[in-house]
């Protein structure tokens, strides 16, 4: 799944998704939970260092 495919069901734009990944935007908890749901991961996974 690429950014564009994940962004739409998460209710955000591709640009916003990219900004999150690059540290330019900080999504609210509602968006964080939606992103985790779309990716099929636990929310805690989004906060792990990779």
PDB file of N, CA and C in Angstrom:
ATOM      1  N   UNK A   1       0.846  -1.164   0.000  1.00  0.00           N
ATOM      2  CA  UNK A   1       0.000   0.000   0.000  1.00  0.00           C
ATOM      3  C   UNK A   1       0.900   1.239   0.000  1.00  0.00           C
ATOM      4  N   UNK A   2       0.629   2.158  -0.916  1.00  0.00           N
ATOM      5  CA  UNK A   2       1.426   3.379  -0.946  1.00  0.00           C
ATOM      6  C   UNK A   2       0.701   4.507  -0.196  1.00  0.00           C
ATOM      7  N   UNK A   3       1.343   5.662  -0.110  1.00  0.00           N
ATOM      8  CA  UNK A   3       0.773   6.780   0.643  1.00  0.00           C
ATOM      9  C   UNK A   3      -0.597   7.196   0.118  1.00  0.00           C
ATOM     10  N   UNK A   4      -0.732   7.279  -1.176  1.00  0.00           N
ATOM     11  CA  UNK A   4      -2.013   7.698  -1.760  1.00  0.00           C
ATOM     12  C   UNK A   4      -3.123   6.717  -1.423  1.00  0.00           C
ATOM     13  N   UNK A   5      -2.820   5.430  -1.494  1.00  0.00           N
ATOM     14  CA  UNK A   5      -3.821   4.406  -1.201  1.00  0.00           C
ATOM     15  C   UNK A   5      -4.204   4.410   0.270  1.00  0.00           C
ATOM     16  N   UNK A   6      -3.282   4.728   1.151  1.00  0.00           N
ATOM     17  CA  UNK A   6      -3.557   4.738   2.584  1.00  0.00           C
ATOM     18  C   UNK A   6      -4.197   6.046   3.035  1.00  0.00           C
ATOM     19  N   UNK A   7      -3.830   7.136   2.411  1.00  0.00           N
ATOM     20  CA  UNK A   7      -4.308   8.449   2.845  1.00  0.00           C
ATOM     21  C   UNK A   7      -5.822   8.587   2.705  1.00  0.00           C
ATOM     22  N   UNK A   8      -6.353   8.174   1.582  1.00  0.00           N
ATOM     23  CA  UNK A   8      -7.786   8.368   1.332  1.00  0.00           C
ATOM     24  C   UNK A   8      -8.673   7.716   2.388  1.00  0.00           C
ATOM     25  N   UNK A   9      -8.508   6.411   2.687  1.00  0.00           N
ATOM     26  CA  UNK A   9      -9.371   5.820   3.710  1.00  0.00           C
ATOM     27  C   UNK A   9      -9.108   6.373   5.117  1.00  0.00           C
ATOM     28  N   UNK A  10      -7.941   6.975   5.313  1.00  0.00           N
ATOM     29  CA  UNK A  10      -7.638   7.593   6.609  1.00  0.00           C
ATOM     30  C   UNK A  10      -8.251   8.990   6.709  1.00  0.00           C
ATOM     31  N   UNK A  11      -8.809   9.472   5.600  1.00  0.00           N
ATOM     32  CA  UNK A  11      -9.463  10.768   5.606  1.00  0.00           C
ATOM     33  C   UNK A  11      -8.505  11.946   5.525  1.00  0.00           C
ATOM     34  N   UNK A  12      -7.325  11.702   4.962  1.00  0.00           N
ATOM     35  CA  UNK A  12      -6.344  12.772   4.807  1.00  0.00           C
ATOM     36  C   UNK A  12      -5.811  12.764   3.379  1.00  0.00           C
ATOM     37  N   UNK A  13      -5.141  13.821   3.012  1.00  0.00           N
ATOM     38  CA  UNK A  13      -4.573  13.894   1.667  1.00  0.00           C
ATOM     39  C   UNK A  13      -3.208  13.221   1.626  1.00  0.00           C
ATOM     40  N   UNK A  14      -2.797  12.895   0.417  1.00  0.00           N
ATOM     41  CA  UNK A  14      -1.459  12.338   0.218  1.00  0.00           C
ATOM     42  C   UNK A  14      -0.413  13.297   0.761  1.00  0.00           C
ATOM     43  N   UNK A  15      -0.575  14.599   0.521  1.00  0.00           N
ATOM     44  CA  UNK A  15       0.379  15.616   0.975  1.00  0.00           C
ATOM     45  C   UNK A  15       0.462  15.641   2.510  1.00  0.00           C
ATOM     46  N   UNK A  16      -0.693  15.567   3.171  1.00  0.00           N
ATOM     47  CA  UNK A  16      -0.713  15.574   4.630  1.00  0.00           C
ATOM     48  C   UNK A  16       0.000  14.334   5.170  1.00  0.00           C
ATOM     49  N   UNK A  17      -0.259  13.183   4.545  1.00  0.00           N
ATOM     50  CA  UNK A  17       0.407  11.933   4.948  1.00  0.00           C
ATOM     51  C   UNK A  17       1.921  12.091   4.828  1.00  0.00           C
ATOM     52  N   UNK A  18       2.364  12.627   3.714  1.00  0.00           N
ATOM     53  CA  UNK A  18       3.790  12.853   3.488  1.00  0.00           C
ATOM     54  C   UNK A  18       4.362  13.800   4.535  1.00  0.00           C
ATOM     55  N   UNK A  19       3.616  14.854   4.854  1.00  0.00           N
ATOM     56  CA  UNK A  19       4.074  15.811   5.868  1.00  0.00           C
ATOM     57  C   UNK A  19       4.201  15.152   7.240  1.00  0.00           C
ATOM     58  N   UNK A  20       3.307  14.239   7.568  1.00  0.00           N
ATOM     59  CA  UNK A  20       3.404  13.505   8.834  1.00  0.00           C
ATOM     60  C   UNK A  20       4.688  12.675   8.846  1.00  0.00           C
ATOM     61  N   UNK A  21       4.910  11.922   7.786  1.00  0.00           N
ATOM     62  CA  UNK A  21       6.094  11.061   7.709  1.00  0.00           C
ATOM     63  C   UNK A  21       7.395  11.850   7.783  1.00  0.00           C
ATOM     64  N   UNK A  22       7.369  13.076   7.281  1.00  0.00           N
ATOM     65  CA  UNK A  22       8.584  13.893   7.254  1.00  0.00           C
ATOM     66  C   UNK A  22       8.678  14.868   8.422  1.00  0.00           C
ATOM     67  N   UNK A  23       7.802  14.712   9.419  1.00  0.00           N
ATOM     68  CA  UNK A  23       7.875  15.519  10.628  1.00  0.00           C
ATOM     69  C   UNK A  23       7.410  16.954  10.480  1.00  0.00           C
ATOM     70  N   UNK A  24       6.701  17.261   9.406  1.00  0.00           N
ATOM     71  CA  UNK A  24       6.219  18.629   9.205  1.00  0.00           C
ATOM     72  C   UNK A  24       4.822  18.852   9.781  1.00  0.00           C
ATOM     73  N   UNK A  25       4.095  17.772  10.052  1.00  0.00           N
ATOM     74  CA  UNK A  25       2.748  17.861  10.623  1.00  0.00           C
ATOM     75  C   UNK A  25       2.646  16.890  11.789  1.00  0.00           C
ATOM     76  N   UNK A  26       1.846  17.260  12.774  1.00  0.00           N
ATOM     77  CA  UNK A  26       1.570  16.410  13.919  1.00  0.00           C
ATOM     78  C   UNK A  26       0.065  16.161  13.971  1.00  0.00           C
ATOM     79  N   UNK A  27      -0.365  14.968  13.553  1.00  0.00           N
ATOM     80  CA  UNK A  27      -1.805  14.695  13.522  1.00  0.00           C
ATOM     81  C   UNK A  27      -2.375  14.564  14.926  1.00  0.00           C
ATOM     82  N   UNK A  28      -3.665  14.850  15.044  1.00  0.00           N
ATOM     83  CA  UNK A  28      -4.366  14.648  16.304  1.00  0.00           C
ATOM     84  C   UNK A  28      -4.595  13.163  16.555  1.00  0.00           C
ATOM     85  N   UNK A  29      -5.026  12.853  17.762  1.00  0.00           N
ATOM     86  CA  UNK A  29      -5.248  11.447  18.120  1.00  0.00           C
ATOM     87  C   UNK A  29      -6.273  10.777  17.223  1.00  0.00           C
ATOM     88  N   UNK A  30      -7.294  11.511  16.810  1.00  0.00           N
ATOM     89  CA  UNK A  30      -8.300  10.905  15.934  1.00  0.00           C
ATOM     90  C   UNK A  30      -7.680  10.428  14.632  1.00  0.00           C
ATOM     91  N   UNK A  31      -6.789  11.226  14.067  1.00  0.00           N
ATOM     92  CA  UNK A  31      -6.106  10.833  12.821  1.00  0.00           C
ATOM     93  C   UNK A  31      -5.130   9.690  13.072  1.00  0.00           C
ATOM     94  N   UNK A  32      -4.436   9.730  14.199  1.00  0.00           N
ATOM     95  CA  UNK A  32      -3.478   8.669  14.523  1.00  0.00           C
ATOM     96  C   UNK A  32      -4.189   7.323  14.619  1.00  0.00           C
ATOM     97  N   UNK A  33      -5.332   7.288  15.295  1.00  0.00           N
ATOM     98  CA  UNK A  33      -6.083   6.039  15.414  1.00  0.00           C
ATOM     99  C   UNK A  33      -6.600   5.576  14.053  1.00  0.00           C
ATOM    100  N   UNK A  34      -7.025   6.506  13.210  1.00  0.00           N
ATOM    101  CA  UNK A  34      -7.522   6.144  11.879  1.00  0.00           C
ATOM    102  C   UNK A  34      -6.390   5.601  11.009  1.00  0.00           C
ATOM    103  N   UNK A  35      -5.218   6.242  11.068  1.00  0.00           N
ATOM    104  CA  UNK A  35      -4.058   5.776  10.298  1.00  0.00           C
ATOM    105  C   UNK A  35      -3.671   4.365  10.732  1.00  0.00           C
ATOM    106  N   UNK A  36      -3.626   4.126  12.036  1.00  0.00           N
ATOM    107  CA  UNK A  36      -3.292   2.791  12.542  1.00  0.00           C
ATOM    108  C   UNK A  36      -4.305   1.764  12.047  1.00  0.00           C
ATOM    109  N   UNK A  37      -5.575   2.129  12.053  1.00  0.00           N
ATOM    110  CA  UNK A  37      -6.622   1.225  11.580  1.00  0.00           C
ATOM    111  C   UNK A  37      -6.434   0.899  10.099  1.00  0.00           C
ATOM    112  N   UNK A  38      -6.173   1.913   9.295  1.00  0.00           N
ATOM    113  CA  UNK A  38      -5.966   1.706   7.856  1.00  0.00           C
ATOM    114  C   UNK A  38      -4.760   0.806   7.605  1.00  0.00           C
ATOM    115  N   UNK A  39      -3.702   0.998   8.383  1.00  0.00           N
ATOM    116  CA  UNK A  39      -2.487   0.199   8.206  1.00  0.00           C
ATOM    117  C   UNK A  39      -2.594  -1.188   8.834  1.00  0.00           C
ATOM    118  N   UNK A  40      -3.613  -1.383   9.667  1.00  0.00           N
ATOM    119  CA  UNK A  40      -3.795  -2.681  10.316  1.00  0.00           C
ATOM    120  C   UNK A  40      -2.785  -2.949  11.411  1.00  0.00           C
ATOM    121  N   UNK A  41      -2.385  -1.888  12.116  1.00  0.00           N
ATOM    122  CA  UNK A  41      -1.410  -2.028  13.199  1.00  0.00           C
ATOM    123  C   UNK A  41      -1.970  -1.406  14.469  1.00  0.00           C
ATOM    124  N   UNK A  42      -1.379  -1.783  15.597  1.00  0.00           N
ATOM    125  CA  UNK A  42      -1.719  -1.163  16.862  1.00  0.00           C
ATOM    126  C   UNK A  42      -1.152   0.254  16.884  1.00  0.00           C
ATOM    127  N   UNK A  43      -1.849   1.166  17.530  1.00  0.00           N
ATOM    128  CA  UNK A  43      -1.403   2.560  17.591  1.00  0.00           C
ATOM    129  C   UNK A  43       0.017   2.660  18.137  1.00  0.00           C
ATOM    130  N   UNK A  44       0.364   1.826  19.091  1.00  0.00           N
ATOM    131  CA  UNK A  44       1.708   1.888  19.681  1.00  0.00           C
ATOM    132  C   UNK A  44       2.795   1.661  18.636  1.00  0.00           C
ATOM    133  N   UNK A  45       2.479   0.910  17.601  1.00  0.00           N
ATOM    134  CA  UNK A  45       3.453   0.659  16.532  1.00  0.00           C
ATOM    135  C   UNK A  45       3.871   1.955  15.839  1.00  0.00           C
ATOM    136  N   UNK A  46       2.978   2.914  15.761  1.00  0.00           N
ATOM    137  CA  UNK A  46       3.280   4.182  15.097  1.00  0.00           C
ATOM    138  C   UNK A  46       4.276   5.030  15.883  1.00  0.00           C
ATOM    139  N   UNK A  47       4.469   4.695  17.158  1.00  0.00           N
ATOM    140  CA  UNK A  47       5.366   5.476  17.999  1.00  0.00           C
ATOM    141  C   UNK A  47       6.697   4.787  18.262  1.00  0.00           C
ATOM    142  N   UNK A  48       6.877   3.595  17.700  1.00  0.00           N
ATOM    143  CA  UNK A  48       8.140   2.875  17.865  1.00  0.00           C
ATOM    144  C   UNK A  48       9.200   3.466  16.955  1.00  0.00           C
ATOM    145  N   UNK A  49      10.445   3.445  17.418  1.00  0.00           N
ATOM    146  CA  UNK A  49      11.553   3.881  16.565  1.00  0.00           C
ATOM    147  C   UNK A  49      11.851   2.789  15.558  1.00  0.00           C
ATOM    148  N   UNK A  50      12.076   3.197  14.327  1.00  0.00           N
ATOM    149  CA  UNK A  50      12.388   2.236  13.257  1.00  0.00           C
ATOM    150  C   UNK A  50      13.687   2.610  12.614  1.00  0.00           C
TER     151      UNK A  50
END
